[in-house]
């Protein structure tokens, strides 16, 4: 019985020693720097109609946002393509053809100020063809 009590006492002393060492190790480590938080999305759409005419439209959109303590980054792109055909005719008309992309970087300064850089491009292949960049 005496040995059992000694064993329990030794086990409790060892456990408390491990707990105090563990606590000491936890308090001496530096806090980890938070990693970037990324959120992304992807969407696709398809519209098909039949009746007095035949139309088809497809769309695709992708975007991602990254956030850190002192900055933010947004990147995205989307596109659409559509065509139409009138009954009795053999030709198909393109009704939508569009590509669009953007990038934006925000640098968050102390207090309420921020600096921003952005780039945006848009292209369409319809008869009023244009490429614009801002």
Protein backbone atom coordinates (compact mmCIF):
# COMPACT_ATOMS: atom_id res chain seq x y z
CA UNK A 1 0.00 0.00 0.00
CA UNK A 2 2.85 2.33 0.86
CA UNK A 3 4.36 1.73 -2.60
CA UNK A 4 1.03 2.54 -4.29
CA UNK A 5 0.83 5.87 -2.45
CA UNK A 6 4.45 6.65 -3.39
CA UNK A 7 3.71 5.78 -7.04
CA UNK A 8 0.61 8.02 -7.12
CA UNK A 9 2.54 10.86 -5.48
CA UNK A 10 5.37 10.47 -8.00
CA UNK A 11 2.89 10.41 -10.91
CA UNK A 12 1.15 13.56 -9.67
CA UNK A 13 4.48 15.35 -9.18
CA UNK A 14 5.57 14.36 -12.71
CA UNK A 15 2.29 15.51 -14.22
CA UNK A 16 2.48 18.90 -12.50
CA UNK A 17 6.08 19.30 -13.65
CA UNK A 18 5.09 18.55 -17.25
CA UNK A 19 2.16 20.96 -17.04
CA UNK A 20 4.34 23.78 -15.73
CA UNK A 21 7.00 23.19 -18.39
CA UNK A 22 4.31 23.09 -21.07
CA UNK A 23 2.82 26.35 -19.81
CA UNK A 24 6.24 27.95 -19.75
CA UNK A 25 6.93 26.92 -23.35
CA UNK A 26 3.58 28.34 -24.47
CA UNK A 27 4.20 31.73 -22.84
CA UNK A 28 7.71 32.11 -24.32
CA UNK A 29 6.68 31.65 -27.96
CA UNK A 30 5.97 34.70 -30.08
CA UNK A 31 2.46 35.02 -31.50
CA UNK A 32 2.23 33.73 -35.06
CA UNK A 33 1.72 36.32 -37.77
CA UNK A 34 -1.74 35.87 -39.31
CA UNK A 35 -1.75 34.42 -42.80
CA UNK A 36 -3.56 35.95 -45.74
CA UNK A 37 -7.27 35.25 -45.96
CA UNK A 38 -8.32 34.35 -49.50
CA UNK A 39 -11.89 34.17 -50.76
CA UNK A 40 -12.58 33.03 -54.31
CA UNK A 41 -15.66 32.49 -56.44
CA UNK A 42 -16.46 30.94 -59.79
CA UNK A 43 -19.79 31.16 -61.64
CA UNK A 44 -21.01 29.92 -65.00
CA UNK A 45 -24.30 30.49 -66.77
CA UNK A 46 -26.03 29.13 -69.85
CA UNK A 47 -29.28 30.39 -71.36
CA UNK A 48 -30.93 28.62 -74.29
CA UNK A 49 -34.25 29.74 -75.78
CA UNK A 50 -36.22 28.26 -78.63
CA UNK A 51 -39.46 29.44 -80.24
CA UNK A 52 -39.74 32.27 -82.75
CA UNK A 53 -35.96 32.35 -82.74
CA UNK A 54 -33.02 30.39 -81.41
CA UNK A 55 -30.73 32.16 -78.93
CA UNK A 56 -27.86 30.89 -76.83
CA UNK A 57 -25.87 32.84 -74.22
CA UNK A 58 -23.00 31.60 -72.05
CA UNK A 59 -21.22 33.47 -69.25
CA UNK A 60 -18.24 32.72 -67.00
CA UNK A 61 -17.01 34.76 -64.02
CA UNK A 62 -14.03 34.18 -61.68
CA UNK A 63 -12.80 36.38 -58.83
CA UNK A 64 -10.46 36.14 -55.84
CA UNK A 65 -9.73 38.49 -52.93
CA UNK A 66 -6.74 38.32 -50.57
CA UNK A 67 -6.60 40.29 -47.31
CA UNK A 68 -3.67 40.90 -44.98
CA UNK A 69 -3.28 43.21 -41.99
CA UNK A 70 -2.07 46.14 -44.10
CA UNK A 71 -3.20 45.41 -47.67
CA UNK A 72 -5.85 43.87 -49.92
CA UNK A 73 -5.66 42.37 -53.43
CA UNK A 74 -8.58 41.70 -55.79
CA UNK A 75 -8.31 39.92 -59.15
CA UNK A 76 -11.16 38.93 -61.43
CA UNK A 77 -12.23 38.14 -64.98
CA UNK A 78 -15.49 37.47 -66.79
CA UNK A 79 -16.70 36.81 -70.27
CA UNK A 80 -19.88 36.29 -72.26
CA UNK A 81 -20.72 34.86 -75.65
CA UNK A 82 -24.13 34.78 -77.30
CA UNK A 83 -25.60 34.06 -80.70
CA UNK A 84 -29.00 34.18 -82.31
CA UNK A 85 -30.64 32.63 -85.37
CA UNK A 86 -33.97 33.67 -86.89
CA UNK A 87 -36.15 30.85 -88.28
CA UNK A 88 -36.01 30.57 -92.05
CA UNK A 89 -32.51 32.10 -92.23
CA UNK A 90 -29.24 30.22 -92.56
CA UNK A 91 -26.96 32.74 -90.87
CA UNK A 92 -26.26 33.01 -87.17
CA UNK A 93 -25.69 36.44 -85.60
CA UNK A 94 -23.31 36.96 -82.67
CA UNK A 95 -25.22 38.95 -80.06
CA UNK A 96 -22.63 39.07 -77.25
CA UNK A 97 -18.87 38.63 -77.18
CA UNK A 98 -17.16 40.22 -74.21
CA UNK A 99 -14.02 39.77 -72.11
CA UNK A 100 -13.36 41.83 -68.97
CA UNK A 101 -10.62 41.66 -66.34
CA UNK A 102 -9.51 43.70 -63.35
CA UNK A 103 -6.84 43.90 -60.68
CA UNK A 104 -6.90 46.16 -57.61
CA UNK A 105 -4.37 46.53 -54.78
CA UNK A 106 -5.20 48.53 -51.65
CA UNK A 107 -2.50 49.50 -49.20
CA UNK A 108 -4.11 50.34 -45.86
CA UNK A 109 -2.21 53.11 -44.13
CA UNK A 110 -2.47 53.86 -40.41
CA UNK A 111 -5.57 55.73 -39.28
CA UNK A 112 -8.25 56.19 -41.95
CA UNK A 113 -6.12 56.65 -45.11
CA UNK A 114 -5.37 54.17 -47.90
CA UNK A 115 -3.46 54.09 -51.18
CA UNK A 116 -4.89 52.22 -54.18
CA UNK A 117 -3.70 51.02 -57.58
CA UNK A 118 -6.19 49.56 -60.06
CA UNK A 119 -6.15 48.24 -63.63
CA UNK A 120 -9.18 47.31 -65.71
CA UNK A 121 -9.49 46.07 -69.31
CA UNK A 122 -12.52 45.36 -71.44
CA UNK A 123 -12.73 43.93 -74.96
CA UNK A 124 -15.70 43.24 -77.19
CA UNK A 125 -15.67 41.80 -80.71
CA UNK A 126 -19.02 43.16 -81.87
CA UNK A 127 -19.13 45.65 -84.80
CA UNK A 128 -18.41 48.53 -82.39
CA UNK A 129 -15.14 46.83 -81.46
CA UNK A 130 -13.21 48.53 -78.69
CA UNK A 131 -10.44 47.82 -76.25
CA UNK A 132 -10.30 50.05 -73.21
CA UNK A 133 -7.83 50.10 -70.34
CA UNK A 134 -8.04 52.28 -67.25
